[in-house]
Amino acid sequence: MAEQATPTEAPAERPEVAELREELTRSRQEVLRLRDLLIGKDAEVGTLRGRLTELEEGSAKLLAAATRVRARLPGSILVLAAGLRKLLRRPRN
């Protein structure tokens, strides 16, 4: 019966192959780092979008309330309020 030859140690890699393996490992690590960074930024953008939606809804409610109040005021009060605003904005000497 013939014995099969089994190598006791792995054959030495050529230097180019070893360098390519190292570069591939570094590239994979960089891809993972950038992916994690992107996921974090995406979560941050989602949070900010939610906050923006809340603020927009709040401002829409305030604008609607201001419109209702303004509609119920007589025209003379609106003219008086506009004159008062002008007076308050005028620089004092």
PDB file of N, CA and C in Angstrom:
ATOM      1  N   MET A   1       0.834  -1.153   0.000  1.00  0.00           N
ATOM      2  CA  MET A   1       0.000   0.000   0.000  1.00  0.00           C
ATOM      3  C   MET A   1       0.886   1.224   0.000  1.00  0.00           C
ATOM      4  N   ALA A   2       0.527   2.179  -0.835  1.00  0.00           N
ATOM      5  CA  ALA A   2       1.336   3.390  -0.973  1.00  0.00           C
ATOM      6  C   ALA A   2       0.861   4.424   0.030  1.00  0.00           C
ATOM      7  N   GLU A   3       1.825   5.040   0.662  1.00  0.00           N
ATOM      8  CA  GLU A   3       1.486   6.103   1.623  1.00  0.00           C
ATOM      9  C   GLU A   3       1.255   7.407   0.887  1.00  0.00           C
ATOM     10  N   GLN A   4       0.244   8.122   1.322  1.00  0.00           N
ATOM     11  CA  GLN A   4       0.002   9.438   0.728  1.00  0.00           C
ATOM     12  C   GLN A   4       0.887  10.440   1.440  1.00  0.00           C
ATOM     13  N   ALA A   5       1.429  11.313   0.647  1.00  0.00           N
ATOM     14  CA  ALA A   5       2.276  12.357   1.218  1.00  0.00           C
ATOM     15  C   ALA A   5       1.393  13.507   1.672  1.00  0.00           C
ATOM     16  N   THR A   6       1.454  13.828   2.959  1.00  0.00           N
ATOM     17  CA  THR A   6       0.702  14.967   3.479  1.00  0.00           C
ATOM     18  C   THR A   6       1.705  16.012   3.919  1.00  0.00           C
ATOM     19  N   PRO A   7       1.516  17.209   3.423  1.00  0.00           N
ATOM     20  CA  PRO A   7       2.471  18.250   3.822  1.00  0.00           C
ATOM     21  C   PRO A   7       2.296  18.571   5.307  1.00  0.00           C
ATOM     22  N   THR A   8       3.414  18.681   5.999  1.00  0.00           N
ATOM     23  CA  THR A   8       3.371  18.978   7.424  1.00  0.00           C
ATOM     24  C   THR A   8       3.194  20.463   7.681  1.00  0.00           C
ATOM     25  N   GLU A   9       3.600  21.271   6.783  1.00  0.00           N
ATOM     26  CA  GLU A   9       3.378  22.704   6.910  1.00  0.00           C
ATOM     27  C   GLU A   9       2.921  23.262   5.576  1.00  0.00           C
ATOM     28  N   ALA A  10       2.168  24.353   5.651  1.00  0.00           N
ATOM     29  CA  ALA A  10       1.617  24.960   4.440  1.00  0.00           C
ATOM     30  C   ALA A  10       2.755  25.501   3.594  1.00  0.00           C
ATOM     31  N   PRO A  11       2.586  25.405   2.283  1.00  0.00           N
ATOM     32  CA  PRO A  11       3.625  25.954   1.419  1.00  0.00           C
ATOM     33  C   PRO A  11       3.713  27.464   1.604  1.00  0.00           C
ATOM     34  N   ALA A  12       4.908  27.979   1.524  1.00  0.00           N
ATOM     35  CA  ALA A  12       5.121  29.419   1.712  1.00  0.00           C
ATOM     36  C   ALA A  12       4.447  30.192   0.581  1.00  0.00           C
ATOM     37  N   GLU A  13       3.745  31.268   0.965  1.00  0.00           N
ATOM     38  CA  GLU A  13       3.082  32.096  -0.040  1.00  0.00           C
ATOM     39  C   GLU A  13       4.101  33.027  -0.671  1.00  0.00           C
ATOM     40  N   ARG A  14       3.784  33.372  -1.867  1.00  0.00           N
ATOM     41  CA  ARG A  14       4.636  34.374  -2.512  1.00  0.00           C
ATOM     42  C   ARG A  14       4.368  35.708  -1.835  1.00  0.00           C
ATOM     43  N   PRO A  15       5.352  36.590  -1.780  1.00  0.00           N
ATOM     44  CA  PRO A  15       5.174  37.886  -1.097  1.00  0.00           C
ATOM     45  C   PRO A  15       4.011  38.712  -1.670  1.00  0.00           C
ATOM     46  N   GLU A  16       3.797  38.626  -2.975  1.00  0.00           N
ATOM     47  CA  GLU A  16       2.709  39.408  -3.587  1.00  0.00           C
ATOM     48  C   GLU A  16       1.357  38.936  -3.064  1.00  0.00           C
ATOM     49  N   VAL A  17       1.198  37.634  -2.907  1.00  0.00           N
ATOM     50  CA  VAL A  17      -0.070  37.083  -2.436  1.00  0.00           C
ATOM     51  C   VAL A  17      -0.304  37.508  -0.985  1.00  0.00           C
ATOM     52  N   ALA A  18       0.742  37.463  -0.176  1.00  0.00           N
ATOM     53  CA  ALA A  18       0.611  37.869   1.223  1.00  0.00           C
ATOM     54  C   ALA A  18       0.239  39.346   1.320  1.00  0.00           C
ATOM     55  N   GLU A  19       0.854  40.179   0.492  1.00  0.00           N
ATOM     56  CA  GLU A  19       0.534  41.613   0.487  1.00  0.00           C
ATOM     57  C   GLU A  19      -0.916  41.846   0.064  1.00  0.00           C
ATOM     58  N   LEU A  20      -1.353  41.090  -0.941  1.00  0.00           N
ATOM     59  CA  LEU A  20      -2.739  41.236  -1.409  1.00  0.00           C
ATOM     60  C   LEU A  20      -3.723  40.807  -0.339  1.00  0.00           C
ATOM     61  N   ARG A  21      -3.391  39.740   0.393  1.00  0.00           N
ATOM     62  CA  ARG A  21      -4.274  39.299   1.479  1.00  0.00           C
ATOM     63  C   ARG A  21      -4.364  40.369   2.569  1.00  0.00           C
ATOM     64  N   GLU A  22      -3.254  40.967   2.916  1.00  0.00           N
ATOM     65  CA  GLU A  22      -3.237  42.032   3.920  1.00  0.00           C
ATOM     66  C   GLU A  22      -4.049  43.238   3.445  1.00  0.00           C
ATOM     67  N   GLU A  23      -3.866  43.584   2.175  1.00  0.00           N
ATOM     68  CA  GLU A  23      -4.613  44.726   1.622  1.00  0.00           C
ATOM     69  C   GLU A  23      -6.115  44.437   1.617  1.00  0.00           C
ATOM     70  N   LEU A  24      -6.477  43.198   1.294  1.00  0.00           N
ATOM     71  CA  LEU A  24      -7.879  42.805   1.297  1.00  0.00           C
ATOM     72  C   LEU A  24      -8.448  42.891   2.712  1.00  0.00           C
ATOM     73  N   THR A  25      -7.688  42.450   3.685  1.00  0.00           N
ATOM     74  CA  THR A  25      -8.132  42.527   5.083  1.00  0.00           C
ATOM     75  C   THR A  25      -8.316  43.972   5.502  1.00  0.00           C
ATOM     76  N   ARG A  26      -7.367  44.836   5.160  1.00  0.00           N
ATOM     77  CA  ARG A  26      -7.492  46.261   5.496  1.00  0.00           C
ATOM     78  C   ARG A  26      -8.700  46.878   4.800  1.00  0.00           C
ATOM     79  N   SER A  27      -8.908  46.506   3.546  1.00  0.00           N
ATOM     80  CA  SER A  27     -10.052  47.051   2.801  1.00  0.00           C
ATOM     81  C   SER A  27     -11.372  46.621   3.434  1.00  0.00           C
ATOM     82  N   ARG A  28     -11.460  45.377   3.850  1.00  0.00           N
ATOM     83  CA  ARG A  28     -12.691  44.895   4.484  1.00  0.00           C
ATOM     84  C   ARG A  28     -12.934  45.622   5.799  1.00  0.00           C
ATOM     85  N   GLN A  29     -11.877  45.830   6.563  1.00  0.00           N
ATOM     86  CA  GLN A  29     -12.024  46.565   7.822  1.00  0.00           C
ATOM     87  C   GLN A  29     -12.486  47.996   7.569  1.00  0.00           C
ATOM     88  N   GLU A  30     -11.941  48.622   6.535  1.00  0.00           N
ATOM     89  CA  GLU A  30     -12.336  49.993   6.201  1.00  0.00           C
ATOM     90  C   GLU A  30     -13.789  50.042   5.740  1.00  0.00           C
ATOM     91  N   VAL A  31     -14.206  49.051   4.975  1.00  0.00           N
ATOM     92  CA  VAL A  31     -15.601  48.986   4.528  1.00  0.00           C
ATOM     93  C   VAL A  31     -16.522  48.852   5.737  1.00  0.00           C
ATOM     94  N   LEU A  32     -16.166  48.015   6.695  1.00  0.00           N
ATOM     95  CA  LEU A  32     -16.982  47.854   7.900  1.00  0.00           C
ATOM     96  C   LEU A  32     -17.032  49.146   8.712  1.00  0.00           C
ATOM     97  N   ARG A  33     -15.896  49.827   8.816  1.00  0.00           N
ATOM     98  CA  ARG A  33     -15.852  51.084   9.558  1.00  0.00           C
ATOM     99  C   ARG A  33     -16.753  52.121   8.896  1.00  0.00           C
ATOM    100  N   LEU A  34     -16.655  52.228   7.575  1.00  0.00           N
ATOM    101  CA  LEU A  34     -17.469  53.208   6.848  1.00  0.00           C
ATOM    102  C   LEU A  34     -18.954  52.843   6.891  1.00  0.00           C
ATOM    103  N   ARG A  35     -19.253  51.550   6.847  1.00  0.00           N
ATOM    104  CA  ARG A  35     -20.648  51.115   6.944  1.00  0.00           C
ATOM    105  C   ARG A  35     -21.241  51.506   8.296  1.00  0.00           C
ATOM    106  N   ASP A  36     -20.468  51.274   9.357  1.00  0.00           N
ATOM    107  CA  ASP A  36     -20.938  51.653  10.691  1.00  0.00           C
ATOM    108  C   ASP A  36     -21.154  53.158  10.793  1.00  0.00           C
ATOM    109  N   LEU A  37     -20.241  53.914  10.209  1.00  0.00           N
ATOM    110  CA  LEU A  37     -20.371  55.367  10.209  1.00  0.00           C
ATOM    111  C   LEU A  37     -21.626  55.795   9.448  1.00  0.00           C
ATOM    112  N   LEU A  38     -21.868  55.169   8.316  1.00  0.00           N
ATOM    113  CA  LEU A  38     -23.046  55.486   7.507  1.00  0.00           C
ATOM    114  C   LEU A  38     -24.332  55.138   8.250  1.00  0.00           C
ATOM    115  N   ILE A  39     -24.346  54.010   8.927  1.00  0.00           N
ATOM    116  CA  ILE A  39     -25.531  53.615   9.694  1.00  0.00           C
ATOM    117  C   ILE A  39     -25.794  54.636  10.803  1.00  0.00           C
ATOM    118  N   GLY A  40     -24.729  55.081  11.469  1.00  0.00           N
ATOM    119  CA  GLY A  40     -24.880  56.090  12.518  1.00  0.00           C
ATOM    120  C   GLY A  40     -25.421  57.400  11.974  1.00  0.00           C
ATOM    121  N   LYS A  41     -24.888  57.838  10.839  1.00  0.00           N
ATOM    122  CA  LYS A  41     -25.362  59.089  10.236  1.00  0.00           C
ATOM    123  C   LYS A  41     -26.810  58.945   9.769  1.00  0.00           C
ATOM    124  N   ASP A  42     -27.156  57.782   9.242  1.00  0.00           N
ATOM    125  CA  ASP A  42     -28.515  57.552   8.783  1.00  0.00           C
ATOM    126  C   ASP A  42     -29.492  57.629   9.959  1.00  0.00           C
ATOM    127  N   ALA A  43     -29.107  57.064  11.091  1.00  0.00           N
ATOM    128  CA  ALA A  43     -29.955  57.141  12.290  1.00  0.00           C
ATOM    129  C   ALA A  43     -30.091  58.591  12.752  1.00  0.00           C
ATOM    130  N   GLU A  44     -28.995  59.337  12.679  1.00  0.00           N
ATOM    131  CA  GLU A  44     -29.025  60.744  13.080  1.00  0.00           C
ATOM    132  C   GLU A  44     -29.952  61.549  12.168  1.00  0.00           C
ATOM    133  N   VAL A  45     -29.878  61.293  10.873  1.00  0.00           N
ATOM    134  CA  VAL A  45     -30.748  61.987   9.914  1.00  0.00           C
ATOM    135  C   VAL A  45     -32.208  61.636  10.184  1.00  0.00           C
ATOM    136  N   GLY A  46     -32.482  60.372  10.496  1.00  0.00           N
ATOM    137  CA  GLY A  46     -33.854  59.964  10.812  1.00  0.00           C
ATOM    138  C   GLY A  46     -34.395  60.694  12.025  1.00  0.00           C
ATOM    139  N   THR A  47     -33.553  60.825  13.051  1.00  0.00           N
ATOM    140  CA  THR A  47     -33.960  61.548  14.259  1.00  0.00           C
ATOM    141  C   THR A  47     -34.258  63.005  13.935  1.00  0.00           C
ATOM    142  N   LEU A  48     -33.390  63.628  13.147  1.00  0.00           N
ATOM    143  CA  LEU A  48     -33.596  65.037  12.793  1.00  0.00           C
ATOM    144  C   LEU A  48     -34.836  65.231  11.931  1.00  0.00           C
ATOM    145  N   ARG A  49     -35.103  64.283  11.038  1.00  0.00           N
ATOM    146  CA  ARG A  49     -36.318  64.386  10.220  1.00  0.00           C
ATOM    147  C   ARG A  49     -37.569  64.307  11.093  1.00  0.00           C
ATOM    148  N   GLY A  50     -37.529  63.420  12.077  1.00  0.00           N
ATOM    149  CA  GLY A  50     -38.662  63.310  12.995  1.00  0.00           C
ATOM    150  C   GLY A  50     -38.877  64.596  13.767  1.00  0.00           C
ATOM    151  N   ARG A  51     -37.784  65.183  14.242  1.00  0.00           N
ATOM    152  CA  ARG A  51     -37.877  66.445  14.991  1.00  0.00           C
ATOM    153  C   ARG A  51     -38.411  67.564  14.096  1.00  0.00           C
ATOM    154  N   LEU A  52     -37.939  67.605  12.859  1.00  0.00           N
ATOM    155  CA  LEU A  52     -38.406  68.615  11.910  1.00  0.00           C
ATOM    156  C   LEU A  52     -39.905  68.475  11.663  1.00  0.00           C
ATOM    157  N   THR A  53     -40.369  67.253  11.531  1.00  0.00           N
ATOM    158  CA  THR A  53     -41.802  67.023  11.332  1.00  0.00           C
ATOM    159  C   THR A  53     -42.599  67.523  12.531  1.00  0.00           C
ATOM    160  N   GLU A  54     -42.100  67.258  13.745  1.00  0.00           N
ATOM    161  CA  GLU A  54     -42.769  67.753  14.949  1.00  0.00           C
ATOM    162  C   GLU A  54     -42.849  69.278  14.945  1.00  0.00           C
ATOM    163  N   LEU A  55     -41.740  69.928  14.602  1.00  0.00           N
ATOM    164  CA  LEU A  55     -41.724  71.396  14.583  1.00  0.00           C
ATOM    165  C   LEU A  55     -42.656  71.949  13.518  1.00  0.00           C
ATOM    166  N   GLU A  56     -42.685  71.311  12.356  1.00  0.00           N
ATOM    167  CA  GLU A  56     -43.574  71.768  11.290  1.00  0.00           C
ATOM    168  C   GLU A  56     -45.035  71.647  11.705  1.00  0.00           C
ATOM    169  N   GLU A  57     -45.378  70.541  12.376  1.00  0.00           N
ATOM    170  CA  GLU A  57     -46.753  70.365  12.834  1.00  0.00           C
ATOM    171  C   GLU A  57     -47.115  71.421  13.879  1.00  0.00           C
ATOM    172  N   GLY A  58     -46.180  71.703  14.775  1.00  0.00           N
ATOM    173  CA  GLY A  58     -46.426  72.721  15.802  1.00  0.00           C
ATOM    174  C   GLY A  58     -46.599  74.100  15.207  1.00  0.00           C
ATOM    175  N   SER A  59     -45.749  74.435  14.232  1.00  0.00           N
ATOM    176  CA  SER A  59     -45.862  75.763  13.616  1.00  0.00           C
ATOM    177  C   SER A  59     -47.135  75.867  12.786  1.00  0.00           C
ATOM    178  N   ALA A  60     -47.554  74.775  12.173  1.00  0.00           N
ATOM    179  CA  ALA A  60     -48.806  74.799  11.397  1.00  0.00           C
ATOM    180  C   ALA A  60     -49.988  75.067  12.325  1.00  0.00           C
ATOM    181  N   LYS A  61     -49.964  74.463  13.511  1.00  0.00           N
ATOM    182  CA  LYS A  61     -51.038  74.702  14.482  1.00  0.00           C
ATOM    183  C   LYS A  61     -51.050  76.162  14.927  1.00  0.00           C
ATOM    184  N   LEU A  62     -49.858  76.710  15.171  1.00  0.00           N
ATOM    185  CA  LEU A  62     -49.779  78.111  15.594  1.00  0.00           C
ATOM    186  C   LEU A  62     -50.256  79.058  14.492  1.00  0.00           C
ATOM    187  N   LEU A  63     -49.880  78.779  13.257  1.00  0.00           N
ATOM    188  CA  LEU A  63     -50.326  79.616  12.137  1.00  0.00           C
ATOM    189  C   LEU A  63     -51.837  79.546  11.967  1.00  0.00           C
ATOM    190  N   ALA A  64     -52.396  78.363  12.138  1.00  0.00           N
ATOM    191  CA  ALA A  64     -53.848  78.217  12.014  1.00  0.00           C
ATOM    192  C   ALA A  64     -54.544  79.003  13.129  1.00  0.00           C
ATOM    193  N   ALA A  65     -53.994  78.940  14.331  1.00  0.00           N
ATOM    194  CA  ALA A  65     -54.588  79.682  15.449  1.00  0.00           C
ATOM    195  C   ALA A  65     -54.487  81.186  15.200  1.00  0.00           C
ATOM    196  N   ALA A  66     -53.340  81.651  14.716  1.00  0.00           N
ATOM    197  CA  ALA A  66     -53.170  83.077  14.426  1.00  0.00           C
ATOM    198  C   ALA A  66     -54.141  83.530  13.338  1.00  0.00           C
ATOM    199  N   THR A  67     -54.361  82.687  12.362  1.00  0.00           N
ATOM    200  CA  THR A  67     -55.302  83.028  11.290  1.00  0.00           C
ATOM    201  C   THR A  67     -56.721  83.132  11.829  1.00  0.00           C
ATOM    202  N   ARG A  68     -57.090  82.211  12.711  1.00  0.00           N
ATOM    203  CA  ARG A  68     -58.438  82.264  13.297  1.00  0.00           C
ATOM    204  C   ARG A  68     -58.617  83.527  14.142  1.00  0.00           C
ATOM    205  N   VAL A  69     -57.600  83.880  14.920  1.00  0.00           N
ATOM    206  CA  VAL A  69     -57.676  85.088  15.756  1.00  0.00           C
ATOM    207  C   VAL A  69     -57.778  86.318  14.877  1.00  0.00           C
ATOM    208  N   ARG A  70     -56.941  86.378  13.856  1.00  0.00           N
ATOM    209  CA  ARG A  70     -56.928  87.531  12.962  1.00  0.00           C
ATOM    210  C   ARG A  70     -58.275  87.673  12.245  1.00  0.00           C
ATOM    211  N   ALA A  71     -58.897  86.570  11.896  1.00  0.00           N
ATOM    212  CA  ALA A  71     -60.182  86.621  11.189  1.00  0.00           C
ATOM    213  C   ALA A  71     -61.289  87.169  12.094  1.00  0.00           C
ATOM    214  N   ARG A  72     -61.154  87.004  13.390  1.00  0.00           N
ATOM    215  CA  ARG A  72     -62.194  87.449  14.325  1.00  0.00           C
ATOM    216  C   ARG A  72     -62.013  88.901  14.778  1.00  0.00           C
ATOM    217  N   LEU A  73     -60.840  89.470  14.503  1.00  0.00           N
ATOM    218  CA  LEU A  73     -60.589  90.850  14.924  1.00  0.00           C
ATOM    219  C   LEU A  73     -61.151  91.815  13.897  1.00  0.00           C
ATOM    220  N   PRO A  74     -61.721  92.913  14.349  1.00  0.00           N
ATOM    221  CA  PRO A  74     -62.184  93.935  13.399  1.00  0.00           C
ATOM    222  C   PRO A  74     -60.985  94.582  12.706  1.00  0.00           C
ATOM    223  N   GLY A  75     -61.200  95.107  11.530  1.00  0.00           N
ATOM    224  CA  GLY A  75     -60.136  95.713  10.725  1.00  0.00           C
ATOM    225  C   GLY A  75     -59.422  96.857  11.425  1.00  0.00           C
ATOM    226  N   SER A  76     -60.140  97.637  12.217  1.00  0.00           N
ATOM    227  CA  SER A  76     -59.518  98.786  12.885  1.00  0.00           C
ATOM    228  C   SER A  76     -58.450  98.331  13.882  1.00  0.00           C
ATOM    229  N   ILE A  77     -58.653  97.218  14.542  1.00  0.00           N
ATOM    230  CA  ILE A  77     -57.652  96.727  15.496  1.00  0.00           C
ATOM    231  C   ILE A  77     -56.400  96.273  14.751  1.00  0.00           C
ATOM    232  N   LEU A  78     -56.591  95.656  13.583  1.00  0.00           N
ATOM    233  CA  LEU A  78     -55.437  95.225  12.792  1.00  0.00           C
ATOM    234  C   LEU A  78     -54.603  96.421  12.337  1.00  0.00           C
ATOM    235  N   VAL A  79     -55.280  97.497  11.913  1.00  0.00           N
ATOM    236  CA  VAL A  79     -54.571  98.708  11.495  1.00  0.00           C
ATOM    237  C   VAL A  79     -53.836  99.315  12.687  1.00  0.00           C
ATOM    238  N   LEU A  80     -54.484  99.343  13.831  1.00  0.00           N
ATOM    239  CA  LEU A  80     -53.865  99.865  15.047  1.00  0.00           C
ATOM    240  C   LEU A  80     -52.641  99.037  15.441  1.00  0.00           C
ATOM    241  N   ALA A  81     -52.737  97.719  15.341  1.00  0.00           N
ATOM    242  CA  ALA A  81     -51.615  96.836  15.684  1.00  0.00           C
ATOM    243  C   ALA A  81     -50.446  97.049  14.720  1.00  0.00           C
ATOM    244  N   ALA A  82     -50.738  97.240  13.443  1.00  0.00           N
ATOM    245  CA  ALA A  82     -49.675  97.482  12.465  1.00  0.00           C
ATOM    246  C   ALA A  82     -48.971  98.802  12.771  1.00  0.00           C
ATOM    247  N   GLY A  83     -49.734  99.829  13.123  1.00  0.00           N
ATOM    248  CA  GLY A  83     -49.132 101.115  13.484  1.00  0.00           C
ATOM    249  C   GLY A  83     -48.285 101.003  14.734  1.00  0.00           C
ATOM    250  N   LEU A  84     -48.742 100.239  15.690  1.00  0.00           N
ATOM    251  CA  LEU A  84     -47.982 100.037  16.922  1.00  0.00           C
ATOM    252  C   LEU A  84     -46.669  99.313  16.648  1.00  0.00           C
ATOM    253  N   ARG A  85     -46.717  98.320  15.764  1.00  0.00           N
ATOM    254  CA  ARG A  85     -45.477  97.607  15.404  1.00  0.00           C
ATOM    255  C   ARG A  85     -44.482  98.559  14.745  1.00  0.00           C
ATOM    256  N   LYS A  86     -44.951  99.416  13.873  1.00  0.00           N
ATOM    257  CA  LYS A  86     -44.064 100.396  13.222  1.00  0.00           C
ATOM    258  C   LYS A  86     -43.434 101.311  14.255  1.00  0.00           C
ATOM    259  N   LEU A  87     -44.250 101.771  15.180  1.00  0.00           N
ATOM    260  CA  LEU A  87     -43.761 102.662  16.225  1.00  0.00           C
ATOM    261  C   LEU A  87     -42.681 101.993  17.073  1.00  0.00           C
ATOM    262  N   LEU A  88     -42.860 100.723  17.380  1.00  0.00           N
ATOM    263  CA  LEU A  88     -41.896  99.994  18.207  1.00  0.00           C
ATOM    264  C   LEU A  88     -40.602  99.706  17.458  1.00  0.00           C
ATOM    265  N   ARG A  89     -40.666  99.614  16.159  1.00  0.00           N
ATOM    266  CA  ARG A  89     -39.454  99.328  15.355  1.00  0.00           C
ATOM    267  C   ARG A  89     -38.641 100.583  15.057  1.00  0.00           C
ATOM    268  N   ARG A  90     -39.238 101.751  15.206  1.00  0.00           N
ATOM    269  CA  ARG A  90     -38.569 102.992  14.880  1.00  0.00           C
ATOM    270  C   ARG A  90     -37.413 103.219  15.854  1.00  0.00           C
ATOM    271  N   PRO A  91     -36.215 103.575  15.348  1.00  0.00           N
ATOM    272  CA  PRO A  91     -35.075 103.846  16.261  1.00  0.00           C
ATOM    273  C   PRO A  91     -35.343 105.089  17.100  1.00  0.00           C
ATOM    274  N   ARG A  92     -34.936 105.018  18.333  1.00  0.00           N
ATOM    275  CA  ARG A  92     -35.141 106.163  19.245  1.00  0.00           C
ATOM    276  C   ARG A  92     -33.902 107.047  19.257  1.00  0.00           C
ATOM    277  N   ASN A  93     -34.130 108.337  19.268  1.00  0.00           N
ATOM    278  CA  ASN A  93     -33.010 109.289  19.301  1.00  0.00           C
ATOM    279  C   ASN A  93     -32.867 109.907  20.670  1.00  0.00           C
TER     280      ASN A  93
END
